[in-house]
C-alpha atoms as a PDB file:
ATOM      1  CA  UNK A   1       4.745  97.223  87.461  1.00  0.00           C
ATOM      2  CA  UNK A   2       5.574 100.559  89.065  1.00  0.00           C
ATOM      3  CA  UNK A   3       6.600 100.611  92.703  1.00  0.00           C
ATOM      4  CA  UNK A   4       6.813 103.538  95.101  1.00  0.00           C
ATOM      5  CA  UNK A   5       9.957 102.977  97.144  1.00  0.00           C
ATOM      6  CA  UNK A   6       9.561 104.236 100.703  1.00  0.00           C
ATOM      7  CA  UNK A   7      12.157 106.280 102.560  1.00  0.00           C
ATOM      8  CA  UNK A   8      13.020 103.271 104.742  1.00  0.00           C
ATOM      9  CA  UNK A   9      14.378 101.377 101.726  1.00  0.00           C
ATOM     10  CA  UNK A  10      16.218 104.378 100.277  1.00  0.00           C
ATOM     11  CA  UNK A  11      17.823 104.948 103.678  1.00  0.00           C
ATOM     12  CA  UNK A  12      19.082 101.362 103.771  1.00  0.00           C
ATOM     13  CA  UNK A  13      20.475 101.701 100.252  1.00  0.00           C
ATOM     14  CA  UNK A  14      22.200 105.018 100.902  1.00  0.00           C
ATOM     15  CA  UNK A  15      23.702 104.043 104.253  1.00  0.00           C
ATOM     16  CA  UNK A  16      27.402 103.350 104.419  1.00  0.00           C
ATOM     17  CA  UNK A  17      27.806  99.734 105.345  1.00  0.00           C
ATOM     18  CA  UNK A  18      30.799  97.593 106.143  1.00  0.00           C
ATOM     19  CA  UNK A  19      28.713  94.439 105.869  1.00  0.00           C
ATOM     20  CA  UNK A  20      29.401  92.267 102.812  1.00  0.00           C
ATOM     21  CA  UNK A  21      25.727  91.249 102.617  1.00  0.00           C
ATOM     22  CA  UNK A  22      23.209  93.505 100.922  1.00  0.00           C
ATOM     23  CA  UNK A  23      19.720  93.668 102.475  1.00  0.00           C
ATOM     24  CA  UNK A  24      17.034  92.132 100.239  1.00  0.00           C
ATOM     25  CA  UNK A  25      15.124  95.420 100.070  1.00  0.00           C
ATOM     26  CA  UNK A  26      18.226  97.139  98.664  1.00  0.00           C
ATOM     27  CA  UNK A  27      18.619  94.437  96.029  1.00  0.00           C
ATOM     28  CA  UNK A  28      14.968  94.917  95.114  1.00  0.00           C
ATOM     29  CA  UNK A  29      15.471  98.682  94.861  1.00  0.00           C
ATOM     30  CA  UNK A  30      18.453  98.190  92.560  1.00  0.00           C
ATOM     31  CA  UNK A  31      16.402  95.871  90.354  1.00  0.00           C
ATOM     32  CA  UNK A  32      13.488  98.310  90.243  1.00  0.00           C
ATOM     33  CA  UNK A  33      15.836 101.136  89.251  1.00  0.00           C
ATOM     34  CA  UNK A  34      17.439  98.982  86.544  1.00  0.00           C
ATOM     35  CA  UNK A  35      13.996  98.028  85.199  1.00  0.00           C
ATOM     36  CA  UNK A  36      12.795 101.666  85.380  1.00  0.00           C
ATOM     37  CA  UNK A  37      10.017 100.684  87.788  1.00  0.00           C
ATOM     38  CA  UNK A  38      11.040 102.675  90.883  1.00  0.00           C
ATOM     39  CA  UNK A  39       8.776 105.655  91.534  1.00  0.00           C
ATOM     40  CA  UNK A  40      10.005 108.629  93.557  1.00  0.00           C
ATOM     41  CA  UNK A  41       7.904 111.251  95.356  1.00  0.00           C
ATOM     42  CA  UNK A  42       9.062 114.723  96.363  1.00  0.00           C
ATOM     43  CA  UNK A  43       7.982 114.033  99.951  1.00  0.00           C
ATOM     44  CA  UNK A  44      10.338 111.035 100.043  1.00  0.00           C
ATOM     45  CA  UNK A  45      13.144 113.229  98.684  1.00  0.00           C
ATOM     46  CA  UNK A  46      12.474 115.684 101.520  1.00  0.00           C
ATOM     47  CA  UNK A  47      12.545 112.924 104.154  1.00  0.00           C
ATOM     48  CA  UNK A  48      15.829 111.527 102.834  1.00  0.00           C
ATOM     49  CA  UNK A  49      17.517 114.942 102.736  1.00  0.00           C
ATOM     50  CA  UNK A  50      16.179 116.102 106.109  1.00  0.00           C
ATOM     51  CA  UNK A  51      18.606 115.705 108.960  1.00  0.00           C
ATOM     52  CA  UNK A  52      21.757 115.357 106.869  1.00  0.00           C
ATOM     53  CA  UNK A  53      24.398 116.825 109.163  1.00  0.00           C
ATOM     54  CA  UNK A  54      27.066 118.230 106.863  1.00  0.00           C
ATOM     55  CA  UNK A  55      26.413 120.544 103.948  1.00  0.00           C
ATOM     56  CA  UNK A  56      28.903 118.608 101.799  1.00  0.00           C
ATOM     57  CA  UNK A  57      27.040 115.352 102.393  1.00  0.00           C
ATOM     58  CA  UNK A  58      23.720 117.125 101.725  1.00  0.00           C
ATOM     59  CA  UNK A  59      24.994 118.482  98.392  1.00  0.00           C
ATOM     60  CA  UNK A  60      26.323 115.055  97.320  1.00  0.00           C
ATOM     61  CA  UNK A  61      23.105 113.293  98.294  1.00  0.00           C
ATOM     62  CA  UNK A  62      20.929 115.952  96.651  1.00  0.00           C
ATOM     63  CA  UNK A  63      22.913 115.633  93.417  1.00  0.00           C
ATOM     64  CA  UNK A  64      22.604 111.836  93.492  1.00  0.00           C
ATOM     65  CA  UNK A  65      18.848 111.934  94.089  1.00  0.00           C
ATOM     66  CA  UNK A  66      18.273 114.369  91.227  1.00  0.00           C
ATOM     67  CA  UNK A  67      18.667 111.407  88.895  1.00  0.00           C
ATOM     68  CA  UNK A  68      15.223 110.301  90.115  1.00  0.00           C
ATOM     69  CA  UNK A  69      12.390 112.561  88.931  1.00  0.00           C
ATOM     70  CA  UNK A  70       9.476 113.262  91.257  1.00  0.00           C
ATOM     71  CA  UNK A  71       6.126 111.857  90.236  1.00  0.00           C
ATOM     72  CA  UNK A  72       3.657 114.666  89.550  1.00  0.00           C
ATOM     73  CA  UNK A  73       0.883 114.650  92.137  1.00  0.00           C
ATOM     74  CA  UNK A  74      -2.634 116.030  91.849  1.00  0.00           C
ATOM     75  CA  UNK A  75      -5.160 117.399  94.317  1.00  0.00           C
ATOM     76  CA  UNK A  76      -6.908 114.028  94.627  1.00  0.00           C
ATOM     77  CA  UNK A  77      -3.685 112.450  95.913  1.00  0.00           C
ATOM     78  CA  UNK A  78      -3.641 114.802  98.894  1.00  0.00           C
ATOM     79  CA  UNK A  79      -7.371 114.430  99.520  1.00  0.00           C
ATOM     80  CA  UNK A  80      -7.139 110.640  99.471  1.00  0.00           C
ATOM     81  CA  UNK A  81      -4.096 110.778 101.775  1.00  0.00           C
ATOM     82  CA  UNK A  82      -6.168 112.757 104.290  1.00  0.00           C
ATOM     83  CA  UNK A  83      -9.029 110.271 103.932  1.00  0.00           C
ATOM     84  CA  UNK A  84      -6.664 107.341 104.531  1.00  0.00           C
ATOM     85  CA  UNK A  85      -5.188 109.158 107.549  1.00  0.00           C
ATOM     86  CA  UNK A  86      -8.687 109.606 109.000  1.00  0.00           C
ATOM     87  CA  UNK A  87      -9.695 105.988 108.352  1.00  0.00           C
ATOM     88  CA  UNK A  88      -6.582 104.655 110.046  1.00  0.00           C
ATOM     89  CA  UNK A  89      -6.796 107.100 112.942  1.00  0.00           C
ATOM     90  CA  UNK A  90     -10.414 106.095 113.574  1.00  0.00           C
ATOM     91  CA  UNK A  91      -9.106 102.531 113.863  1.00  0.00           C
ATOM     92  CA  UNK A  92      -6.354 103.490 116.319  1.00  0.00           C
ATOM     93  CA  UNK A  93      -3.563 103.473 113.719  1.00  0.00           C
ATOM     94  CA  UNK A  94      -1.171 106.435 113.560  1.00  0.00           C
ATOM     95  CA  UNK A  95       1.064 107.338 110.657  1.00  0.00           C
ATOM     96  CA  UNK A  96       2.844 110.262 109.070  1.00  0.00           C
ATOM     97  CA  UNK A  97       1.388 112.497 106.395  1.00  0.00           C
ATOM     98  CA  UNK A  98       4.102 111.287 104.030  1.00  0.00           C
ATOM     99  CA  UNK A  99       3.203 107.639 104.657  1.00  0.00           C
ATOM    100  CA  UNK A 100      -0.441 108.288 103.833  1.00  0.00           C
ATOM    101  CA  UNK A 101       0.518 110.302 100.762  1.00  0.00           C
ATOM    102  CA  UNK A 102       2.542 107.297  99.568  1.00  0.00           C
ATOM    103  CA  UNK A 103      -0.485 105.066 100.185  1.00  0.00           C
ATOM    104  CA  UNK A 104      -2.848 107.408  98.336  1.00  0.00           C
ATOM    105  CA  UNK A 105      -0.596 107.825  95.310  1.00  0.00           C
ATOM    106  CA  UNK A 106       0.023 104.082  95.131  1.00  0.00           C
ATOM    107  CA  UNK A 107      -3.679 103.275  95.413  1.00  0.00           C
ATOM    108  CA  UNK A 108      -4.850 105.798  92.816  1.00  0.00           C
ATOM    109  CA  UNK A 109      -2.302 104.574  90.292  1.00  0.00           C
ATOM    110  CA  UNK A 110      -2.422 100.859  91.183  1.00  0.00           C
ATOM    111  CA  UNK A 111       1.259 100.905  92.170  1.00  0.00           C
ATOM    112  CA  UNK A 112       2.832  98.708  94.807  1.00  0.00           C
ATOM    113  CA  UNK A 113       4.833 100.010  97.771  1.00  0.00           C
ATOM    114  CA  UNK A 114       8.267  98.684  98.763  1.00  0.00           C
ATOM    115  CA  UNK A 115       8.993  99.420 102.405  1.00  0.00           C
ATOM    116  CA  UNK A 116      10.643  97.987 105.480  1.00  0.00           C
ATOM    117  CA  UNK A 117       8.417 100.152 107.714  1.00  0.00           C
ATOM    118  CA  UNK A 118       6.010  97.877 109.594  1.00  0.00           C
ATOM    119  CA  UNK A 119       3.462 100.707 109.899  1.00  0.00           C
ATOM    120  CA  UNK A 120       2.406  99.961 106.330  1.00  0.00           C
ATOM    121  CA  UNK A 121       1.298  96.476 107.420  1.00  0.00           C
ATOM    122  CA  UNK A 122      -1.047  98.152 109.904  1.00  0.00           C
ATOM    123  CA  UNK A 123      -2.335 100.572 107.253  1.00  0.00           C
ATOM    124  CA  UNK A 124      -2.934  97.640 104.912  1.00  0.00           C
ATOM    125  CA  UNK A 125      -5.525  96.238 107.341  1.00  0.00           C
ATOM    126  CA  UNK A 126      -7.736  99.311 106.833  1.00  0.00           C
ATOM    127  CA  UNK A 127      -6.932 100.873 103.454  1.00  0.00           C
ATOM    128  CA  UNK A 128      -6.524  99.312  99.998  1.00  0.00           C
ATOM    129  CA  UNK A 129      -2.785  99.338  99.317  1.00  0.00           C
ATOM    130  CA  UNK A 130      -0.535  96.797  97.626  1.00  0.00           C
ATOM    131  CA  UNK A 131       2.687  96.024  99.466  1.00  0.00           C
ATOM    132  CA  UNK A 132       5.548  94.426  97.584  1.00  0.00           C
ATOM    133  CA  UNK A 133       6.926  91.776  99.917  1.00  0.00           C
ATOM    134  CA  UNK A 134      10.581  92.300 100.725  1.00  0.00           C
ATOM    135  CA  UNK A 135      12.506  89.457  99.153  1.00  0.00           C
ATOM    136  CA  UNK A 136      10.180  88.789  96.200  1.00  0.00           C
END
């Protein structure tokens, strides 16, 4: 089972933490990576790298993330993302272009999505996406 891992989960995993407990989503990410089931999109790479304050930290993070290849996308992924955006917007639900691209890619390929972003729960009410529950 392939799973697109959203930026929210990557951010949790990459954050420096002094807490001895690891969030469940991070444990799931580690397991998906170990099992070669984590799927990475270029748009997620861009979100993770955007806003990094120091160039040294950016270079380290960029080098780390290069271990994860970007899934090749096709025209239909972008068209479906726009369709999903429009469906949700017509139902009063807002989201980012990247979020809808994740939804479109996951739907077209029958992948699940691992996220801690509650917006995806709202999307799920109107578009056919599979969310991997955090903790399962």
